[in-house]
Every structure is written in C-alpha cells, then in structure tokens.
Amino acid sequence: MTRYKICQFIVNLYAKHSYLKDSERLNSMEKSFIDRVSVDMNDADATLALYQLSNFLYKYYGKKVIILLDEYDTPTRQIRGLF
C-alpha cells in the first residue's frame, strides 16, 4: 500500500510535466523512461524516478532543479502505525 502511494505521487508529478515527453531536448531513451513511470513500475525505475525528473527538467529549462516533497514522511508514519 505504501509503495503504491509513493508511486502514485511520482506518476502525478510526471503527469504535471507531461510536456517533457514532447520536448526535442530529451532523447528516445529518456522518453522511454517516462513511458515506464507508472504505479506498477519496477523498483529500479521507482528509485530513479525523482532523480530522472530533475534531470529532464534541467535539460528542458537549462537551470538546476530542486524538487521539494511536502509531507514526504506521511507513508513512513503510516507504516509505523501498523506495528
């Protein structure tokens, strides 16, 4: 359940920046990565998803990117509540 929620958060971020997939600044491998981002993505893609998004935004805008996560510890608190 927690993994699903985190992946859904990541999917929502990619949806907000769906214009990146149409950008000529990203190559075909990078666009392929975007296609793999889903709530069912494998662990490797899930682990890299935020890092990759920051790289894609950097390539698109030409400026360094900082991703701020609001309430990042909510899933962790939910896990602790189960035990």
C-alpha atoms as a PDB file:
ATOM      1  CA  MET A   1       0.000   0.000   0.000  1.00  0.00           C
ATOM      2  CA  THR A   2       2.748   2.493   0.900  1.00  0.00           C
ATOM      3  CA  ARG A   3       4.775   1.667  -2.215  1.00  0.00           C
ATOM      4  CA  TYR A   4       1.659   2.182  -4.320  1.00  0.00           C
ATOM      5  CA  LYS A   5       1.040   5.615  -2.760  1.00  0.00           C
ATOM      6  CA  ILE A   6       4.623   6.716  -3.370  1.00  0.00           C
ATOM      7  CA  CYS A   7       4.462   5.519  -6.973  1.00  0.00           C
ATOM      8  CA  GLN A   8       1.148   7.330  -7.433  1.00  0.00           C
ATOM      9  CA  PHE A   9       2.767  10.528  -6.143  1.00  0.00           C
ATOM     10  CA  ILE A  10       5.572  10.106  -8.697  1.00  0.00           C
ATOM     11  CA  VAL A  11       3.101   9.381 -11.500  1.00  0.00           C
ATOM     12  CA  ASN A  12       1.232  12.583 -10.620  1.00  0.00           C
ATOM     13  CA  LEU A  13       4.465  14.579 -10.805  1.00  0.00           C
ATOM     14  CA  TYR A  14       5.247  13.176 -14.235  1.00  0.00           C
ATOM     15  CA  ALA A  15       1.688  13.949 -15.367  1.00  0.00           C
ATOM     16  CA  LYS A  16       2.151  17.596 -14.342  1.00  0.00           C
ATOM     17  CA  HIS A  17       5.228  17.682 -16.560  1.00  0.00           C
ATOM     18  CA  SER A  18       3.873  15.631 -19.460  1.00  0.00           C
ATOM     19  CA  TYR A  19       5.150  18.285 -21.885  1.00  0.00           C
ATOM     20  CA  LEU A  20       8.639  16.856 -21.342  1.00  0.00           C
ATOM     21  CA  LYS A  21       7.795  13.839 -23.477  1.00  0.00           C
ATOM     22  CA  ASP A  22       7.163  16.097 -26.478  1.00  0.00           C
ATOM     23  CA  SER A  23      10.403  18.003 -25.989  1.00  0.00           C
ATOM     24  CA  GLU A  24      13.160  17.704 -28.556  1.00  0.00           C
ATOM     25  CA  ARG A  25      15.642  18.182 -25.710  1.00  0.00           C
ATOM     26  CA  LEU A  26      15.057  14.656 -24.408  1.00  0.00           C
ATOM     27  CA  ASN A  27      16.374  11.672 -26.325  1.00  0.00           C
ATOM     28  CA  SER A  28      14.460   8.488 -27.088  1.00  0.00           C
ATOM     29  CA  MET A  29      15.862   6.600 -24.070  1.00  0.00           C
ATOM     30  CA  GLU A  30      14.750   9.380 -21.729  1.00  0.00           C
ATOM     31  CA  LYS A  31      11.290   9.417 -23.296  1.00  0.00           C
ATOM     32  CA  SER A  32      11.177   5.644 -22.911  1.00  0.00           C
ATOM     33  CA  PHE A  33      11.875   6.057 -19.196  1.00  0.00           C
ATOM     34  CA  ILE A  34       8.939   8.456 -18.912  1.00  0.00           C
ATOM     35  CA  ASP A  35       6.719   5.794 -20.515  1.00  0.00           C
ATOM     36  CA  ARG A  36       7.760   3.291 -17.835  1.00  0.00           C
ATOM     37  CA  VAL A  37       6.707   5.532 -14.940  1.00  0.00           C
ATOM     38  CA  SER A  38       3.524   4.002 -13.537  1.00  0.00           C
ATOM     39  CA  VAL A  39       2.124   2.812 -10.235  1.00  0.00           C
ATOM     40  CA  ASP A  40       3.351  -0.667 -11.226  1.00  0.00           C
ATOM     41  CA  MET A  41       6.882   0.389 -12.239  1.00  0.00           C
ATOM     42  CA  ASN A  42       9.758  -1.821 -11.186  1.00  0.00           C
ATOM     43  CA  ASP A  43      11.885  -0.955  -8.155  1.00  0.00           C
ATOM     44  CA  ALA A  44      14.797   0.348 -10.237  1.00  0.00           C
ATOM     45  CA  ASP A  45      12.600   2.833 -12.110  1.00  0.00           C
ATOM     46  CA  ALA A  46      10.816   3.881  -8.914  1.00  0.00           C
ATOM     47  CA  THR A  47      14.152   4.525  -7.221  1.00  0.00           C
ATOM     48  CA  LEU A  48      15.392   6.672 -10.114  1.00  0.00           C
ATOM     49  CA  ALA A  49      12.136   8.456 -10.959  1.00  0.00           C
ATOM     50  CA  LEU A  50      12.639  11.681  -8.981  1.00  0.00           C
ATOM     51  CA  TYR A  51      16.313  11.907  -9.920  1.00  0.00           C
ATOM     52  CA  GLN A  52      15.415  11.439 -13.582  1.00  0.00           C
ATOM     53  CA  LEU A  53      12.618  14.003 -13.400  1.00  0.00           C
ATOM     54  CA  SER A  54      15.043  16.601 -12.059  1.00  0.00           C
ATOM     55  CA  ASN A  55      17.443  15.798 -14.924  1.00  0.00           C
ATOM     56  CA  PHE A  56      14.664  16.072 -17.500  1.00  0.00           C
ATOM     57  CA  LEU A  57      13.566  19.427 -16.110  1.00  0.00           C
ATOM     58  CA  TYR A  58      17.172  20.633 -16.150  1.00  0.00           C
ATOM     59  CA  LYS A  59      17.524  19.658 -19.805  1.00  0.00           C
ATOM     60  CA  TYR A  60      14.226  21.349 -20.652  1.00  0.00           C
ATOM     61  CA  TYR A  61      14.747  24.632 -18.800  1.00  0.00           C
ATOM     62  CA  GLY A  62      18.547  24.785 -18.721  1.00  0.00           C
ATOM     63  CA  LYS A  63      18.505  25.542 -14.987  1.00  0.00           C
ATOM     64  CA  LYS A  64      19.217  23.419 -11.954  1.00  0.00           C
ATOM     65  CA  VAL A  65      16.114  21.940 -10.382  1.00  0.00           C
ATOM     66  CA  ILE A  66      15.174  21.286  -6.782  1.00  0.00           C
ATOM     67  CA  ILE A  67      12.241  19.012  -6.033  1.00  0.00           C
ATOM     68  CA  LEU A  68      10.605  19.709  -2.685  1.00  0.00           C
ATOM     69  CA  LEU A  69       8.492  16.950  -1.198  1.00  0.00           C
ATOM     70  CA  ASP A  70       5.689  18.065   1.063  1.00  0.00           C
ATOM     71  CA  GLU A  71       4.690  15.556   3.734  1.00  0.00           C
ATOM     72  CA  TYR A  72       7.330  13.117   2.494  1.00  0.00           C
ATOM     73  CA  ASP A  73       7.200  11.204   5.770  1.00  0.00           C
ATOM     74  CA  THR A  74       3.439  10.514   5.709  1.00  0.00           C
ATOM     75  CA  PRO A  75       3.830   6.973   4.293  1.00  0.00           C
ATOM     76  CA  THR A  76       6.524   6.240   6.885  1.00  0.00           C
ATOM     77  CA  ARG A  77       4.262   7.352   9.715  1.00  0.00           C
ATOM     78  CA  GLN A  78       1.531   5.111   8.357  1.00  0.00           C
ATOM     79  CA  ILE A  79       3.885   2.129   8.377  1.00  0.00           C
ATOM     80  CA  ARG A  80       4.934   2.821  11.970  1.00  0.00           C
ATOM     81  CA  GLY A  81       1.259   2.930  12.936  1.00  0.00           C
ATOM     82  CA  LEU A  82       0.815  -0.640  11.701  1.00  0.00           C
ATOM     83  CA  PHE A  83       3.311  -2.098  14.181  1.00  0.00           C
END
